[in-house]
Amino acid sequence: MATSGNFSTSNQYIKYRIIVDENSTSIANNTSNVTVRVQVWRTNSGFTSVYLNDEREATRTEKTNLAKIVGKTVLKETGADIVFLNAGAFLSSIEIENIKMADVLRVFSLGNSIVTKSVSGENIIKALELALRQYPKMSALSSSCRNDI
């Protein structure tokens, strides 16, 4: 097996590597049977032109742009109708820059999971009422919903 070094493309955020596996060789026929694989990966996960806020004071009392992006992403990826996010799950802000996987892992370093459940509207209202009774200053309570259903 032969493996090349890492190559860049004209897009600075995409790298690739070429791997050649020799399956068989025929000296008499002067041939080789090889498998060539190209591994391609991104070195960043995206880009933000605004500061993605996760300051502790903000996430506990207001809707932050980082929570809004995560909420909309969870809605889209799961097909859920409603999303509850724990403000304590967000552990870091993201600066204006290319977003790397390391940035995402820093924000969600607790190994958070996405869980989908079928819940009645009555139980959702009860959960919201309970949250508001226990945390009356929870002004971050806001809504994002799917508008394609």
C-alpha atoms as a PDB file:
ATOM      1  CA  MET A   1       0.000   0.000   0.000  1.00  0.00           C
ATOM      2  CA  ALA A   2       1.216   3.480  -0.863  1.00  0.00           C
ATOM      3  CA  THR A   3      -0.263   6.658   0.578  1.00  0.00           C
ATOM      4  CA  SER A   4       0.431  10.148  -0.633  1.00  0.00           C
ATOM      5  CA  GLY A   5       0.838  13.147   1.584  1.00  0.00           C
ATOM      6  CA  ASN A   6      -2.055  15.556   2.029  1.00  0.00           C
ATOM      7  CA  PHE A   7      -2.832  17.782  -0.943  1.00  0.00           C
ATOM      8  CA  SER A   8      -4.726  21.054  -1.079  1.00  0.00           C
ATOM      9  CA  THR A   9      -7.144  22.107  -3.785  1.00  0.00           C
ATOM     10  CA  SER A  10      -7.937  25.581  -5.041  1.00  0.00           C
ATOM     11  CA  ASN A  11     -10.414  25.691  -2.131  1.00  0.00           C
ATOM     12  CA  GLN A  12      -8.157  26.101   0.901  1.00  0.00           C
ATOM     13  CA  TYR A  13     -10.651  24.271   3.133  1.00  0.00           C
ATOM     14  CA  ILE A  14     -10.641  21.004   1.197  1.00  0.00           C
ATOM     15  CA  LYS A  15      -7.783  18.528   1.489  1.00  0.00           C
ATOM     16  CA  TYR A  16      -7.339  15.124  -0.097  1.00  0.00           C
ATOM     17  CA  ARG A  17      -5.074  12.091   0.042  1.00  0.00           C
ATOM     18  CA  ILE A  18      -4.533   9.342  -2.554  1.00  0.00           C
ATOM     19  CA  ILE A  19      -4.182   5.735  -1.380  1.00  0.00           C
ATOM     20  CA  VAL A  20      -3.083   2.972  -3.742  1.00  0.00           C
ATOM     21  CA  ASP A  21      -3.496  -0.675  -2.731  1.00  0.00           C
ATOM     22  CA  GLU A  22      -1.784  -3.276  -4.890  1.00  0.00           C
ATOM     23  CA  ASN A  23      -4.097  -6.278  -5.095  1.00  0.00           C
ATOM     24  CA  SER A  24      -1.989  -8.533  -7.334  1.00  0.00           C
ATOM     25  CA  THR A  25       1.062  -8.436  -9.575  1.00  0.00           C
ATOM     26  CA  SER A  26       1.944 -10.469 -12.632  1.00  0.00           C
ATOM     27  CA  ILE A  27       5.646 -10.332 -13.423  1.00  0.00           C
ATOM     28  CA  ALA A  28       5.130 -12.425 -16.571  1.00  0.00           C
ATOM     29  CA  ASN A  29       2.521 -10.011 -17.950  1.00  0.00           C
ATOM     30  CA  ASN A  30       4.190  -6.931 -16.434  1.00  0.00           C
ATOM     31  CA  THR A  31       0.868  -5.845 -14.855  1.00  0.00           C
ATOM     32  CA  SER A  32      -0.489  -4.924 -11.465  1.00  0.00           C
ATOM     33  CA  ASN A  33      -4.065  -4.889 -10.250  1.00  0.00           C
ATOM     34  CA  VAL A  34      -4.495  -1.912  -7.955  1.00  0.00           C
ATOM     35  CA  THR A  35      -7.256  -0.121  -6.063  1.00  0.00           C
ATOM     36  CA  VAL A  36      -6.979   3.647  -5.915  1.00  0.00           C
ATOM     37  CA  ARG A  37      -8.888   5.514  -3.202  1.00  0.00           C
ATOM     38  CA  VAL A  38      -9.132   9.247  -2.792  1.00  0.00           C
ATOM     39  CA  GLN A  39     -10.004  10.530   0.670  1.00  0.00           C
ATOM     40  CA  VAL A  40     -11.414  14.049   0.715  1.00  0.00           C
ATOM     41  CA  TRP A  41     -12.221  16.107   3.806  1.00  0.00           C
ATOM     42  CA  ARG A  42     -13.062  19.641   4.843  1.00  0.00           C
ATOM     43  CA  THR A  43     -10.823  21.493   7.218  1.00  0.00           C
ATOM     44  CA  ASN A  44     -13.656  23.756   8.356  1.00  0.00           C
ATOM     45  CA  SER A  45     -17.362  23.307   8.986  1.00  0.00           C
ATOM     46  CA  GLY A  46     -18.557  26.697   7.797  1.00  0.00           C
ATOM     47  CA  PHE A  47     -18.110  30.424   8.183  1.00  0.00           C
ATOM     48  CA  THR A  48     -19.765  33.072  10.308  1.00  0.00           C
ATOM     49  CA  SER A  49     -19.690  36.782   9.596  1.00  0.00           C
ATOM     50  CA  VAL A  50     -21.238  37.570  13.001  1.00  0.00           C
ATOM     51  CA  TYR A  51     -20.222  36.750  16.565  1.00  0.00           C
ATOM     52  CA  LEU A  52     -22.217  33.678  17.685  1.00  0.00           C
ATOM     53  CA  ASN A  53     -23.017  34.579  21.260  1.00  0.00           C
ATOM     54  CA  ASP A  54     -23.003  32.113  24.117  1.00  0.00           C
ATOM     55  CA  GLU A  55     -22.110  34.422  26.981  1.00  0.00           C
ATOM     56  CA  ARG A  56     -23.537  32.846  30.154  1.00  0.00           C
ATOM     57  CA  GLU A  57     -25.569  35.935  31.071  1.00  0.00           C
ATOM     58  CA  ALA A  58     -27.149  36.060  27.610  1.00  0.00           C
ATOM     59  CA  THR A  59     -28.021  32.372  27.255  1.00  0.00           C
ATOM     60  CA  ARG A  60     -29.803  32.375  30.614  1.00  0.00           C
ATOM     61  CA  THR A  61     -31.917  35.467  29.949  1.00  0.00           C
ATOM     62  CA  GLU A  62     -32.347  35.996  26.211  1.00  0.00           C
ATOM     63  CA  LYS A  63     -32.505  34.227  22.890  1.00  0.00           C
ATOM     64  CA  THR A  64     -28.988  34.118  21.405  1.00  0.00           C
ATOM     65  CA  ASN A  65     -28.107  33.808  17.748  1.00  0.00           C
ATOM     66  CA  LEU A  66     -26.103  30.636  18.460  1.00  0.00           C
ATOM     67  CA  ALA A  67     -29.111  28.955  20.129  1.00  0.00           C
ATOM     68  CA  LYS A  68     -31.330  30.089  17.260  1.00  0.00           C
ATOM     69  CA  ILE A  69     -29.024  28.492  14.665  1.00  0.00           C
ATOM     70  CA  VAL A  70     -28.779  25.258  16.658  1.00  0.00           C
ATOM     71  CA  GLY A  71     -32.556  25.143  17.196  1.00  0.00           C
ATOM     72  CA  LYS A  72     -33.315  25.635  13.504  1.00  0.00           C
ATOM     73  CA  THR A  73     -30.713  23.025  12.563  1.00  0.00           C
ATOM     74  CA  VAL A  74     -32.230  20.472  14.962  1.00  0.00           C
ATOM     75  CA  LEU A  75     -35.706  21.196  13.559  1.00  0.00           C
ATOM     76  CA  LYS A  76     -34.465  20.681  10.017  1.00  0.00           C
ATOM     77  CA  GLU A  77     -32.384  17.568  10.684  1.00  0.00           C
ATOM     78  CA  THR A  78     -34.931  15.741  12.845  1.00  0.00           C
ATOM     79  CA  GLY A  79     -38.164  16.876  11.229  1.00  0.00           C
ATOM     80  CA  ALA A  80     -39.450  17.688  14.733  1.00  0.00           C
ATOM     81  CA  ASP A  81     -42.195  20.252  15.279  1.00  0.00           C
ATOM     82  CA  ILE A  82     -40.697  21.743  18.441  1.00  0.00           C
ATOM     83  CA  VAL A  83     -37.227  21.866  19.991  1.00  0.00           C
ATOM     84  CA  PHE A  84     -36.198  22.355  23.608  1.00  0.00           C
ATOM     85  CA  LEU A  85     -32.583  23.382  24.162  1.00  0.00           C
ATOM     86  CA  ASN A  86     -30.798  23.433  27.491  1.00  0.00           C
ATOM     87  CA  ALA A  87     -28.889  26.713  27.775  1.00  0.00           C
ATOM     88  CA  GLY A  88     -26.298  24.913  29.908  1.00  0.00           C
ATOM     89  CA  ALA A  89     -25.377  22.742  26.935  1.00  0.00           C
ATOM     90  CA  PHE A  90     -23.738  25.690  25.158  1.00  0.00           C
ATOM     91  CA  LEU A  91     -20.247  26.145  26.558  1.00  0.00           C
ATOM     92  CA  SER A  92     -18.562  28.615  24.250  1.00  0.00           C
ATOM     93  CA  SER A  93     -19.186  31.401  21.753  1.00  0.00           C
ATOM     94  CA  ILE A  94     -17.866  31.333  18.187  1.00  0.00           C
ATOM     95  CA  GLU A  95     -15.866  34.274  16.878  1.00  0.00           C
ATOM     96  CA  ILE A  96     -16.258  35.799  13.416  1.00  0.00           C
ATOM     97  CA  GLU A  97     -14.203  33.378  11.338  1.00  0.00           C
ATOM     98  CA  ASN A  98     -14.202  30.058   9.587  1.00  0.00           C
ATOM     99  CA  ILE A  99     -15.963  27.556  11.820  1.00  0.00           C
ATOM    100  CA  LYS A 100     -13.879  24.473  12.367  1.00  0.00           C
ATOM    101  CA  MET A 101     -15.027  21.188  13.860  1.00  0.00           C
ATOM    102  CA  ALA A 102     -12.924  22.091  16.919  1.00  0.00           C
ATOM    103  CA  ASP A 103     -15.158  25.167  17.423  1.00  0.00           C
ATOM    104  CA  VAL A 104     -18.299  23.025  17.299  1.00  0.00           C
ATOM    105  CA  LEU A 105     -16.808  20.524  19.742  1.00  0.00           C
ATOM    106  CA  ARG A 106     -15.788  23.370  22.084  1.00  0.00           C
ATOM    107  CA  VAL A 107     -19.365  24.698  22.121  1.00  0.00           C
ATOM    108  CA  PHE A 108     -20.826  21.229  22.727  1.00  0.00           C
ATOM    109  CA  SER A 109     -18.023  19.563  24.660  1.00  0.00           C
ATOM    110  CA  LEU A 110     -20.413  17.734  27.002  1.00  0.00           C
ATOM    111  CA  GLY A 111     -21.340  15.180  24.337  1.00  0.00           C
ATOM    112  CA  ASN A 112     -24.929  16.351  23.986  1.00  0.00           C
ATOM    113  CA  SER A 113     -27.464  14.126  22.270  1.00  0.00           C
ATOM    114  CA  ILE A 114     -30.520  14.906  20.214  1.00  0.00           C
ATOM    115  CA  VAL A 115     -33.551  12.950  21.382  1.00  0.00           C
ATOM    116  CA  THR A 116     -36.878  12.918  19.564  1.00  0.00           C
ATOM    117  CA  LYS A 117     -40.089  12.000  21.363  1.00  0.00           C
ATOM    118  CA  SER A 118     -43.758  11.989  20.529  1.00  0.00           C
ATOM    119  CA  VAL A 119     -45.385  14.265  23.133  1.00  0.00           C
ATOM    120  CA  SER A 120     -48.894  15.665  23.396  1.00  0.00           C
ATOM    121  CA  GLY A 121     -49.477  19.407  23.167  1.00  0.00           C
ATOM    122  CA  GLU A 122     -50.915  19.283  26.701  1.00  0.00           C
ATOM    123  CA  ASN A 123     -47.639  17.877  28.073  1.00  0.00           C
ATOM    124  CA  ILE A 124     -45.606  20.483  26.190  1.00  0.00           C
ATOM    125  CA  ILE A 125     -47.701  23.243  27.800  1.00  0.00           C
ATOM    126  CA  LYS A 126     -47.224  21.637  31.231  1.00  0.00           C
ATOM    127  CA  ALA A 127     -43.452  21.487  30.706  1.00  0.00           C
ATOM    128  CA  LEU A 128     -43.343  25.148  29.668  1.00  0.00           C
ATOM    129  CA  GLU A 129     -45.490  26.198  32.648  1.00  0.00           C
ATOM    130  CA  LEU A 130     -43.245  24.252  35.021  1.00  0.00           C
ATOM    131  CA  ALA A 131     -40.128  25.866  33.532  1.00  0.00           C
ATOM    132  CA  LEU A 132     -41.629  29.339  33.877  1.00  0.00           C
ATOM    133  CA  ARG A 133     -42.634  28.683  37.515  1.00  0.00           C
ATOM    134  CA  GLN A 134     -39.159  27.429  38.419  1.00  0.00           C
ATOM    135  CA  TYR A 135     -37.296  30.036  36.375  1.00  0.00           C
ATOM    136  CA  PRO A 136     -39.527  33.128  36.175  1.00  0.00           C
ATOM    137  CA  LYS A 137     -36.712  35.248  34.722  1.00  0.00           C
ATOM    138  CA  MET A 138     -36.406  32.891  31.777  1.00  0.00           C
ATOM    139  CA  SER A 139     -37.059  35.529  29.146  1.00  0.00           C
ATOM    140  CA  ALA A 140     -35.096  33.455  26.652  1.00  0.00           C
ATOM    141  CA  LEU A 141     -38.226  31.393  26.136  1.00  0.00           C
ATOM    142  CA  SER A 142     -39.067  31.955  22.521  1.00  0.00           C
ATOM    143  CA  SER A 143     -40.328  29.970  19.639  1.00  0.00           C
ATOM    144  CA  SER A 144     -39.048  28.650  16.371  1.00  0.00           C
ATOM    145  CA  CYS A 145     -41.298  26.382  14.405  1.00  0.00           C
ATOM    146  CA  ARG A 146     -41.391  24.607  11.110  1.00  0.00           C
ATOM    147  CA  ASN A 147     -43.455  26.428   8.538  1.00  0.00           C
ATOM    148  CA  ASP A 148     -43.432  23.648   5.966  1.00  0.00           C
ATOM    149  CA  ILE A 149     -46.131  21.553   7.668  1.00  0.00           C
END
